[in-house]
Every structure is written in C-alpha cells, then in structure tokens.
C-alpha cells in the first residue's frame, strides 16, 4: 500500500507557521461528569468538616462539665471522621483522574504542534533544513558543488503566490508642470457688475499758475477729461468626458476641474501681458506701454544698464516704478555677471546666500510668461486695473450636441473679465538687443 507524502519543502513551509505549543482546555465528552462529581464531593466534604468541628466542640464542652465525653458523642465523632476520610480519598482520586485527562490532551496537542508523524519530536525546521534532511545526496555531500532539484516551490508566478501579491498604487496622479502665474497680482484689482467698464481719463493739463502782482491779471489754466470704456471679455474652454468615466473614476472630476481652471488662468496671464485689444482680446501691458528710448550720453551696454535706463524713463514721466518683469533666462544672465579682471566676484550678489530678487531697488519678477530678451518696468498697479465680472466657474451638460445619445458630458469653464490700462506712461517696455 502506497503512503502519500507531502514534498519536504511544502511540509517545511507549513511547519514554519506551526506554533511551538498548542494550549487548550480539557474536553469532557461525557457531559462534564468528572468535574461535576468532583464538585459534589468537595461540597460534601466541606459540609462534613463543619459537622465534625461542631461535634468536637460538643465533646470539649462535655469534658469541661462532666470530666468525660459521653459514649454517644464519641460514636458520632468516630462516624464523622470515617466519612471525612472516605470523602478525602474520593476527592483525591477524582482530582488525579482529571489531571490525567488534561495531561493526555496536552501531549496530543504537543505532538500535533511538533509536525507530522515520524518527525521524532524534532521540533520546527527551517525551509533549508527540511531540504537538507530529506535529500540523501545532501546528507552524503562532502564538498564541491551539487545540483538539487526543488519541486513544488512557492514562487511569485501566477498560480503560485503571485495571486496574493498586492501592488502598491498611489491615487494621486503625476501632473504636468504648471507655470507660476504672477502678473495679475501686480495690477490693481476691481469688480464690475456690468458688461462695460467706463472711467474718465484726464487728457489736458495746461498749468498757467504764476506769480501775480497786486492788481495784476491771473492767467487761465486749462484741463480736460474724456470718457474711456473697456468691454468685458470672456475666457473659456470645454472638454468632453464619458458618463462612465465620471462615475467610475471618483478623482477624475477633481482633476478636470483643476485643469480647466488652470487653463483659464494661463490664458488670462497671456492676455494681461500681450493682448492686442482686437476682437475678443484684452489690451495688454506690452501693447500699451511706451517703447524704451535710450537717452544720449548714458552707458547702455549691459542688461543692468538697460534696466536702469528704463527706470529713468518712467521716473522722468513723474511716476515711480516699483517692479521689473523679465524672463528667467535674462535674470540668470544678470545674476551671472562678474566684476571681471582678476576679481572673480559676481556683480549682483553672493551665490551662497539667499538673495532677494531686487535690482536697482525694484522688485524683480521673473516669469516664463515674458518672452526671453524682453522686459517691462513700471508701477503696474498704478498703470492698469483688472476687473472681474464673473469669476471662474465650471459647468456640466449632457444636452450638448449628441451627448444624450452617446452618454457623454461636456464640461465648460469660463470667466468674464475686463482690463483698463489707465496710465500707460507709468511703465516702459523694451528688449536686450544691443548695437
């Protein structure tokens, strides 16, 4: 008759997970009769002990009063002592019986914990030890190399342990980079409740103020204003997504919302800087800012020179510039300028310290929204005002086109804004082209 055996590796794998000992309570398959008898005998013994004590006290009283114990009391005491001895013996027998049952069950449990029959109580073996002990070639191995076939090994392949391997999955997607949008915060902000922004702009100032002699004639000054308007414009875009995708991917809507809003803000920044004012475009800062004109007789050979002259041009128009806007490439070129000669120091500052982006006392804003080689200097908050008519909103619709019959959803993002460049002379724009 063949005896089925488990492979040694599989057995070792199971044994490695066995406890060193199995502890369990005693099983009383006969309805708990031994424990019940033990309880009853203990109760009878306690009762009998009390009666024996009472009889002994009675005998002591008789001895004190009469000088001797009556025959009746002696007989009762002898009978109680005999019964007490018998119950004590019965209690010991039942206790020994119960301890024997417990020990037998513990021995059986220990045999189970030690492994399958035939292990000789050797205890738990490691996986490698199980392979060595079960392979005759390894037992006889004295040195050199030896090839051993391992069968039924648990691996990461499908059909083995592969189905139990859970891969870590991060829910937060890796997004494409987003540009730092800095230009809008440099402007004055406002709100409007109409589709048209109207303001008055002074266009004439003829100052005739002068010294007047007693009885003299005053000269007349002239002033003039004109009405200016800016139309509210709309920035928007859409995307399409299936109803199933929205229902099955709970984070998709958050991602779409964020992307649509970022798209609005990115186009907004481009319009603030370079909108040409035609059609639905805003009128941007670079479109309205006067061009740089180099004054005669002053150095104009480096980027630092050019920006200082730009500051001068705004200052000569009686405005005080507060910021310099340029591309990060041009700002890096300025930071890398060195004194020259034998002194290898940087002109702008020490690379080992955290230098605040400031040049000629003006805040430097480096943004990739600016084209490399171009710059803008001025008091931008005084030069222009940016109005919100309707802030960014994201809307959904299943009624667009064939969405209803195709289970598609159209997601739309939009905002309505207006921009008024009120003081163009408070800024100047130029480039870094040198003759």
Protein backbone atom coordinates (compact mmCIF):
# COMPACT_ATOMS: atom_id res chain seq x y z
CA UNK A 1 0.00 0.00 0.00
CA UNK A 2 1.37 3.41 -1.01
CA UNK A 3 1.60 6.14 1.53
CA UNK A 4 1.02 9.68 0.23
CA UNK A 5 3.64 12.14 1.39
CA UNK A 6 3.84 15.90 1.03
CA UNK A 7 7.01 17.35 -0.54
CA UNK A 8 9.61 18.33 2.02
CA UNK A 9 9.54 21.98 1.02
CA UNK A 10 5.78 22.18 1.36
CA UNK A 11 5.96 20.47 4.76
CA UNK A 12 8.66 22.87 5.87
CA UNK A 13 6.56 25.78 4.71
CA UNK A 14 3.69 24.54 6.83
CA UNK A 15 5.90 23.75 9.79
CA UNK A 16 7.35 27.24 9.78
CA UNK A 17 3.90 28.52 10.53
CA UNK A 18 3.12 26.00 13.33
CA UNK A 19 3.06 27.23 16.94
CA UNK A 20 5.70 25.91 19.33
CA UNK A 21 2.92 24.53 21.55
CA UNK A 22 -0.84 24.22 21.49
CA UNK A 23 -2.67 25.03 24.68
CA UNK A 24 -6.31 24.10 25.09
CA UNK A 25 -8.83 23.47 27.82
CA UNK A 26 -9.86 19.91 28.77
CA UNK A 27 -12.67 18.35 26.78
CA UNK A 28 -15.34 16.48 28.78
CA UNK A 29 -17.12 14.41 26.15
CA UNK A 30 -19.13 12.61 28.84
CA UNK A 31 -21.07 15.74 29.66
CA UNK A 32 -18.58 17.01 32.27
CA UNK A 33 -19.33 14.10 34.77
CA UNK A 34 -15.85 14.06 36.36
CA UNK A 35 -15.91 17.76 37.08
CA UNK A 36 -19.46 17.51 38.41
CA UNK A 37 -18.59 14.63 40.74
CA UNK A 38 -15.52 16.50 41.92
CA UNK A 39 -17.67 19.50 42.74
CA UNK A 40 -20.25 17.41 44.64
CA UNK A 41 -17.60 15.55 46.66
CA UNK A 42 -15.93 18.84 47.58
CA UNK A 43 -19.26 20.26 48.77
CA UNK A 44 -19.99 17.11 50.86
CA UNK A 45 -16.50 17.22 52.34
CA UNK A 46 -16.91 20.87 53.32
CA UNK A 47 -20.26 20.09 54.96
CA UNK A 48 -18.85 17.07 56.81
CA UNK A 49 -15.87 19.10 58.03
CA UNK A 50 -18.26 21.59 59.56
CA UNK A 51 -20.23 18.84 61.34
CA UNK A 52 -17.00 17.28 62.64
CA UNK A 53 -15.91 20.61 64.02
CA UNK A 54 -19.30 21.05 65.75
CA UNK A 55 -19.05 17.54 67.30
CA UNK A 56 -15.53 18.28 68.55
CA UNK A 57 -16.76 21.45 70.22
CA UNK A 58 -19.63 19.49 71.89
CA UNK A 59 -17.15 16.88 73.21
CA UNK A 60 -14.97 19.64 74.61
CA UNK A 61 -17.93 21.17 76.45
CA UNK A 62 -18.91 17.78 77.93
CA UNK A 63 -15.35 17.18 79.10
CA UNK A 64 -15.30 20.51 80.84
CA UNK A 65 -18.65 19.97 82.58
CA UNK A 66 -18.61 16.26 83.44
CA UNK A 67 -14.91 15.45 83.19
CA UNK A 68 -15.59 12.88 80.41
CA UNK A 69 -17.13 12.61 76.91
CA UNK A 70 -20.35 10.64 76.54
CA UNK A 71 -20.38 7.41 74.54
CA UNK A 72 -22.93 8.89 72.15
CA UNK A 73 -20.67 11.84 71.31
CA UNK A 74 -17.67 9.52 70.82
CA UNK A 75 -19.66 7.34 68.41
CA UNK A 76 -20.82 10.36 66.42
CA UNK A 77 -17.27 11.72 66.21
CA UNK A 78 -15.87 8.36 65.03
CA UNK A 79 -18.56 8.12 62.35
CA UNK A 80 -17.87 11.65 61.09
CA UNK A 81 -14.11 11.09 60.97
CA UNK A 82 -14.54 7.87 58.97
CA UNK A 83 -16.84 9.58 56.48
CA UNK A 84 -14.43 12.51 56.17
CA UNK A 85 -11.53 10.16 55.40
CA UNK A 86 -13.55 8.35 52.71
CA UNK A 87 -14.58 11.59 51.03
CA UNK A 88 -10.98 12.88 51.09
CA UNK A 89 -9.80 9.72 49.34
CA UNK A 90 -12.57 10.03 46.74
CA UNK A 91 -11.68 13.71 46.14
CA UNK A 92 -8.01 12.82 45.57
CA UNK A 93 -8.96 10.06 43.13
CA UNK A 94 -11.17 12.35 41.07
CA UNK A 95 -8.50 15.09 41.06
CA UNK A 96 -5.86 12.64 39.81
CA UNK A 97 -8.25 11.41 37.12
CA UNK A 98 -8.94 14.93 35.87
CA UNK A 99 -5.23 15.83 35.82
CA UNK A 100 -4.53 12.69 33.80
CA UNK A 101 -7.09 13.69 31.17
CA UNK A 102 -5.60 17.17 30.92
CA UNK A 103 -2.06 15.83 30.55
CA UNK A 104 -3.13 13.38 27.85
CA UNK A 105 -4.80 16.13 25.84
CA UNK A 106 -1.75 18.36 26.21
CA UNK A 107 0.52 15.54 24.99
CA UNK A 108 -1.68 15.02 21.92
CA UNK A 109 -1.71 18.75 21.17
CA UNK A 110 2.06 18.91 21.54
CA UNK A 111 2.51 16.04 19.09
CA UNK A 112 0.37 17.89 16.57
CA UNK A 113 2.40 21.07 17.02
CA UNK A 114 5.70 19.20 16.54
CA UNK A 115 4.79 18.18 13.00
CA UNK A 116 3.63 15.16 11.07
CA UNK A 117 4.19 11.61 12.43
CA UNK A 118 7.71 10.37 12.05
CA UNK A 119 9.47 13.61 12.90
CA UNK A 120 10.61 12.18 16.20
CA UNK A 121 9.70 15.33 18.06
CA UNK A 122 12.49 17.20 16.37
CA UNK A 123 10.61 20.49 16.52
CA UNK A 124 10.06 23.07 13.79
CA UNK A 125 12.57 23.03 10.91
CA UNK A 126 13.54 25.85 8.63
CA UNK A 127 12.91 25.57 4.89
CA UNK A 128 16.57 24.93 4.13
CA UNK A 129 16.90 22.32 6.91
CA UNK A 130 13.88 20.44 5.57
CA UNK A 131 15.50 20.24 2.12
CA UNK A 132 18.82 19.00 3.55
CA UNK A 133 17.29 16.38 5.87
CA UNK A 134 15.10 14.96 3.09
CA UNK A 135 17.75 14.63 0.38
CA UNK A 136 20.16 11.70 0.59
CA UNK A 137 22.65 13.39 -1.76
CA UNK A 138 22.96 16.34 0.57
CA UNK A 139 23.40 14.09 3.60
CA UNK A 140 26.34 12.40 1.88
CA UNK A 141 27.78 15.63 0.46
CA UNK A 142 31.38 16.37 1.49
CA UNK A 143 32.37 19.32 -0.71
CA UNK A 144 32.41 20.75 -4.22
CA UNK A 145 29.18 21.55 -6.00
CA UNK A 146 25.85 19.79 -6.00
CA UNK A 147 22.70 20.33 -8.05
CA UNK A 148 19.42 19.84 -6.21
CA UNK A 149 16.03 19.98 -7.92
CA UNK A 150 13.42 21.88 -5.94
CA UNK A 151 9.88 20.91 -6.87
CA UNK A 152 6.56 22.41 -5.88
CA UNK A 153 8.32 25.60 -4.69
CA UNK A 154 6.14 28.61 -3.97
CA UNK A 155 7.10 31.47 -6.31
CA UNK A 156 5.70 34.84 -7.43
CA UNK A 157 4.31 33.30 -10.63
CA UNK A 158 0.61 33.17 -11.41
CA UNK A 159 -0.94 30.02 -9.96
CA UNK A 160 1.50 30.10 -7.04
CA UNK A 161 1.93 33.05 -4.66
CA UNK A 162 1.56 35.60 -7.45
CA UNK A 163 -2.15 35.95 -6.87
CA UNK A 164 -1.51 37.03 -3.28
CA UNK A 165 0.93 39.81 -4.15
CA UNK A 166 -0.75 43.20 -3.91
CA UNK A 167 0.94 46.06 -5.76
CA UNK A 168 1.10 49.49 -4.17
CA UNK A 169 -0.96 52.03 -6.10
CA UNK A 170 -0.86 55.75 -5.47
CA UNK A 171 -4.14 57.58 -6.05
CA UNK A 172 -2.61 60.99 -6.62
CA UNK A 173 -1.65 61.30 -10.34
CA UNK A 174 1.62 62.77 -11.56
CA UNK A 175 0.56 66.04 -13.14
CA UNK A 176 2.32 68.02 -15.84
CA UNK A 177 4.09 71.15 -14.57
CA UNK A 178 2.11 74.36 -14.18
CA UNK A 179 3.51 77.82 -14.71
CA UNK A 180 3.73 80.26 -11.83
CA UNK A 181 1.22 82.95 -12.71
CA UNK A 182 2.48 86.17 -11.16
CA UNK A 183 1.48 89.07 -13.39
CA UNK A 184 -2.14 89.58 -12.32
CA UNK A 185 -1.15 90.16 -8.71
CA UNK A 186 0.99 93.11 -9.81
CA UNK A 187 -2.10 95.00 -11.04
CA UNK A 188 -4.84 96.87 -9.21
CA UNK A 189 -7.89 94.60 -8.87
CA UNK A 190 -11.53 95.63 -9.15
CA UNK A 191 -15.02 94.26 -9.77
CA UNK A 192 -17.79 95.27 -12.13
CA UNK A 193 -21.48 94.36 -12.35
CA UNK A 194 -21.86 95.46 -15.96
CA UNK A 195 -20.64 94.33 -19.37
CA UNK A 196 -18.83 97.62 -19.85
CA UNK A 197 -16.29 99.43 -17.66
CA UNK A 198 -16.44 103.22 -18.03
CA UNK A 199 -14.00 105.69 -16.48
CA UNK A 200 -12.84 109.29 -17.02
CA UNK A 201 -9.31 109.97 -18.13
CA UNK A 202 -7.58 113.33 -17.97
CA UNK A 203 -6.13 114.34 -21.31
CA UNK A 204 -5.43 118.05 -20.90
CA UNK A 205 -3.44 119.93 -18.28
CA UNK A 206 -2.26 123.39 -19.17
CA UNK A 207 -0.94 124.90 -15.97
CA UNK A 208 -0.87 128.68 -16.04
CA UNK A 209 -0.20 129.19 -12.35
CA UNK A 210 2.24 132.04 -11.78
CA UNK A 211 3.19 134.93 -9.59
CA UNK A 212 0.59 137.72 -9.65
CA UNK A 213 1.33 141.32 -8.73
CA UNK A 214 -1.12 143.39 -6.77
CA UNK A 215 -3.90 144.35 -9.13
CA UNK A 216 -2.44 142.05 -11.75
CA UNK A 217 -4.25 139.63 -14.06
CA UNK A 218 -4.45 135.92 -13.40
CA UNK A 219 -3.60 133.53 -16.20
CA UNK A 220 -6.13 130.78 -17.03
CA UNK A 221 -5.20 127.10 -16.79
CA UNK A 222 -6.92 124.52 -18.94
CA UNK A 223 -7.93 120.98 -18.04
CA UNK A 224 -9.78 118.31 -19.92
CA UNK A 225 -11.08 114.77 -19.45
CA UNK A 226 -12.57 112.26 -21.78
CA UNK A 227 -14.64 109.15 -21.25
CA UNK A 228 -12.93 105.82 -21.79
CA UNK A 229 -14.56 102.40 -21.91
CA UNK A 230 -13.40 98.82 -21.79
CA UNK A 231 -15.60 95.93 -22.86
CA UNK A 232 -15.97 92.89 -20.61
CA UNK A 233 -14.47 89.87 -22.38
CA UNK A 234 -14.93 86.17 -21.84
CA UNK A 235 -12.25 83.49 -21.46
CA UNK A 236 -13.41 79.89 -21.72
CA UNK A 237 -12.87 76.36 -23.00
CA UNK A 238 -14.54 72.94 -22.86
CA UNK A 239 -13.66 69.27 -22.69
CA UNK A 240 -15.64 66.08 -23.23
CA UNK A 241 -15.78 63.06 -20.93
CA UNK A 242 -17.99 59.98 -20.82
CA UNK A 243 -20.56 59.46 -18.09
CA UNK A 244 -18.93 56.11 -17.28
CA UNK A 245 -15.54 57.73 -16.71
CA UNK A 246 -17.04 60.30 -14.34
CA UNK A 247 -18.91 57.60 -12.43
CA UNK A 248 -16.05 55.07 -12.21
CA UNK A 249 -13.11 57.42 -11.52
CA UNK A 250 -14.04 59.40 -8.43
CA UNK A 251 -10.97 61.65 -8.69
CA UNK A 252 -11.39 62.43 -12.39
CA UNK A 253 -13.76 65.32 -11.83
CA UNK A 254 -11.34 66.99 -9.43
CA UNK A 255 -8.52 66.67 -11.97
CA UNK A 256 -10.65 68.02 -14.83
CA UNK A 257 -11.83 70.93 -12.69
CA UNK A 258 -8.25 71.84 -11.76
CA UNK A 259 -7.00 71.60 -15.35
CA UNK A 260 -9.83 73.72 -16.74
CA UNK A 261 -9.31 76.45 -14.14
CA UNK A 262 -5.56 76.46 -14.74
CA UNK A 263 -6.20 76.83 -18.46
CA UNK A 264 -8.33 79.91 -17.82
CA UNK A 265 -5.68 81.49 -15.59
CA UNK A 266 -2.90 80.76 -18.08
CA UNK A 267 -4.74 82.45 -20.95
CA UNK A 268 -5.63 85.31 -18.62
CA UNK A 269 -1.96 85.96 -17.89
CA UNK A 270 -1.08 85.86 -21.58
CA UNK A 271 -3.83 88.40 -22.30
CA UNK A 272 -2.75 90.70 -19.46
CA UNK A 273 0.76 90.82 -20.88
CA UNK A 274 0.33 90.70 -24.63
CA UNK A 275 -3.35 91.01 -25.57
CA UNK A 276 -3.57 93.18 -28.70
CA UNK A 277 -7.05 94.59 -27.99
CA UNK A 278 -8.56 93.33 -31.25
CA UNK A 279 -11.71 91.22 -31.38
CA UNK A 280 -12.23 89.45 -28.08
CA UNK A 281 -8.67 90.06 -26.87
CA UNK A 282 -7.82 92.28 -23.92
CA UNK A 283 -5.49 95.23 -24.31
CA UNK A 284 -2.28 94.05 -22.65
CA UNK A 285 0.52 95.83 -20.83
CA UNK A 286 3.13 95.35 -23.54
CA UNK A 287 0.70 96.66 -26.15
CA UNK A 288 0.07 99.92 -24.27
CA UNK A 289 3.47 100.52 -22.63
CA UNK A 290 5.67 103.11 -24.39
CA UNK A 291 8.81 101.77 -26.04
CA UNK A 292 12.19 102.31 -24.44
CA UNK A 293 14.25 105.19 -25.79
CA UNK A 294 17.89 105.30 -24.70
CA UNK A 295 18.92 108.76 -23.51
CA UNK A 296 22.02 110.19 -25.06
CA UNK A 297 25.26 110.27 -23.16
CA UNK A 298 24.50 107.47 -20.67
CA UNK A 299 26.00 103.94 -20.68
CA UNK A 300 23.82 101.32 -22.31
CA UNK A 301 25.99 98.25 -22.79
CA UNK A 302 24.59 95.58 -20.43
CA UNK A 303 21.25 94.30 -19.22
CA UNK A 304 21.79 96.07 -15.92
CA UNK A 305 22.44 99.36 -17.75
CA UNK A 306 19.34 98.96 -19.89
CA UNK A 307 17.03 98.30 -16.97
CA UNK A 308 18.38 101.30 -15.06
CA UNK A 309 17.66 103.50 -18.07
CA UNK A 310 14.15 102.06 -18.26
CA UNK A 311 13.59 103.06 -14.64
CA UNK A 312 14.85 106.51 -15.53
CA UNK A 313 12.38 106.84 -18.41
CA UNK A 314 9.42 106.14 -16.14
CA UNK A 315 10.80 108.44 -13.47
CA UNK A 316 11.05 111.29 -15.96
CA UNK A 317 7.30 110.91 -16.57
CA UNK A 318 6.75 111.62 -12.85
CA UNK A 319 5.91 108.05 -11.91
CA UNK A 320 7.86 105.85 -9.51
CA UNK A 321 8.42 102.34 -10.89
CA UNK A 322 8.14 99.52 -8.38
CA UNK A 323 8.85 96.32 -10.31
CA UNK A 324 10.84 94.79 -13.16
CA UNK A 325 9.28 91.96 -15.16
CA UNK A 326 11.53 89.76 -17.31
CA UNK A 327 12.20 86.19 -18.42
CA UNK A 328 14.13 83.83 -16.07
CA UNK A 329 16.81 83.44 -18.75
CA UNK A 330 17.58 87.15 -18.70
CA UNK A 331 17.52 87.29 -14.92
CA UNK A 332 20.00 84.41 -14.77
CA UNK A 333 22.29 86.30 -17.17
CA UNK A 334 22.22 89.29 -14.82
CA UNK A 335 22.98 87.15 -11.76
CA UNK A 336 25.94 85.54 -13.54
CA UNK A 337 27.67 88.82 -14.42
CA UNK A 338 31.12 89.12 -12.82
CA UNK A 339 33.28 92.07 -11.94
CA UNK A 340 35.99 90.97 -14.38
CA UNK A 341 39.74 91.27 -14.34
CA UNK A 342 41.47 89.42 -11.55
CA UNK A 343 38.43 89.75 -9.30
CA UNK A 344 36.12 86.83 -9.99
CA UNK A 345 33.27 88.06 -7.79
CA UNK A 346 29.70 88.21 -9.01
CA UNK A 347 28.31 91.71 -9.52
CA UNK A 348 24.84 91.06 -8.22
CA UNK A 349 25.50 89.09 -5.02
CA UNK A 350 26.95 86.09 -3.24
CA UNK A 351 25.69 82.76 -4.65
CA UNK A 352 25.99 81.23 -1.19
CA UNK A 353 23.33 83.47 0.33
CA UNK A 354 19.60 83.76 -0.26
CA UNK A 355 19.43 86.95 -2.30
CA UNK A 356 16.03 88.58 -2.71
CA UNK A 357 15.37 89.30 -6.41
CA UNK A 358 15.87 93.07 -6.36
CA UNK A 359 17.67 95.25 -8.89
CA UNK A 360 18.21 99.00 -8.54
CA UNK A 361 15.88 98.89 -5.54
CA UNK A 362 12.98 97.44 -7.59
CA UNK A 363 11.37 94.04 -7.13
CA UNK A 364 12.30 91.59 -9.88
CA UNK A 365 9.57 89.22 -11.12
CA UNK A 366 10.98 86.51 -13.40
CA UNK A 367 8.24 84.72 -15.31
CA UNK A 368 8.21 82.43 -18.32
CA UNK A 369 5.15 84.37 -19.46
CA UNK A 370 7.63 87.02 -20.62
CA UNK A 371 9.46 86.30 -23.87
CA UNK A 372 13.21 85.89 -23.43
CA UNK A 373 15.01 89.09 -24.37
CA UNK A 374 12.09 91.38 -23.44
CA UNK A 375 11.41 93.35 -20.26
CA UNK A 376 8.81 95.60 -18.65
CA UNK A 377 9.48 98.22 -15.96
CA UNK A 378 6.93 100.34 -14.13
CA UNK A 379 4.37 100.84 -11.41
CA UNK A 380 1.96 98.27 -12.81
CA UNK A 381 -0.66 98.69 -10.06
CA UNK A 382 -0.94 102.35 -10.98
CA UNK A 383 -0.74 101.71 -14.72
CA UNK A 384 -3.64 99.22 -15.07
CA UNK A 385 -6.73 97.88 -13.32
CA UNK A 386 -8.05 94.36 -13.80
CA UNK A 387 -11.80 93.79 -13.32
CA UNK A 388 -13.70 90.58 -12.53
CA UNK A 389 -17.23 90.41 -13.92
CA UNK A 390 -17.67 86.70 -13.24
CA UNK A 391 -15.03 84.60 -11.55
CA UNK A 392 -14.08 81.19 -12.87
CA UNK A 393 -16.88 78.63 -12.91
CA UNK A 394 -17.08 75.05 -14.17
CA UNK A 395 -20.36 73.78 -15.66
CA UNK A 396 -21.58 70.35 -16.86
CA UNK A 397 -24.07 69.48 -19.57
CA UNK A 398 -25.38 66.29 -21.17
CA UNK A 399 -27.52 68.23 -23.65
CA UNK A 400 -24.75 69.46 -25.96
CA UNK A 401 -24.79 68.01 -29.48
CA UNK A 402 -25.18 64.23 -29.37
CA UNK A 403 -24.16 63.92 -25.72
CA UNK A 404 -27.52 62.50 -24.62
CA UNK A 405 -27.50 59.55 -27.03
CA UNK A 406 -23.76 58.92 -26.62
CA UNK A 407 -23.65 59.15 -22.79
CA UNK A 408 -21.14 61.98 -22.97
CA UNK A 409 -20.74 65.01 -20.72
CA UNK A 410 -19.44 68.39 -21.84
CA UNK A 411 -17.53 70.26 -19.13
CA UNK A 412 -17.18 74.01 -19.64
CA UNK A 413 -15.03 76.50 -17.75
CA UNK A 414 -15.36 80.25 -18.18
CA UNK A 415 -14.73 83.64 -16.62
CA UNK A 416 -15.61 87.20 -17.65
CA UNK A 417 -13.06 89.95 -17.16
CA UNK A 418 -12.05 93.42 -18.30
CA UNK A 419 -8.78 95.32 -18.22
CA UNK A 420 -8.15 99.05 -18.41
CA UNK A 421 -4.67 100.48 -18.95
CA UNK A 422 -5.23 103.92 -17.43
CA UNK A 423 -1.69 105.29 -17.11
CA UNK A 424 0.48 103.92 -19.87
CA UNK A 425 3.34 106.31 -19.07
CA UNK A 426 3.76 104.63 -15.67
CA UNK A 427 5.56 101.80 -17.46
CA UNK A 428 8.03 101.18 -20.28
CA UNK A 429 8.83 98.08 -22.31
CA UNK A 430 11.97 97.16 -24.21
CA UNK A 431 14.41 94.42 -25.14
CA UNK A 432 18.04 93.45 -24.59
CA UNK A 433 19.22 93.95 -28.15
CA UNK A 434 22.47 95.91 -28.17
CA UNK A 435 24.10 97.56 -31.15
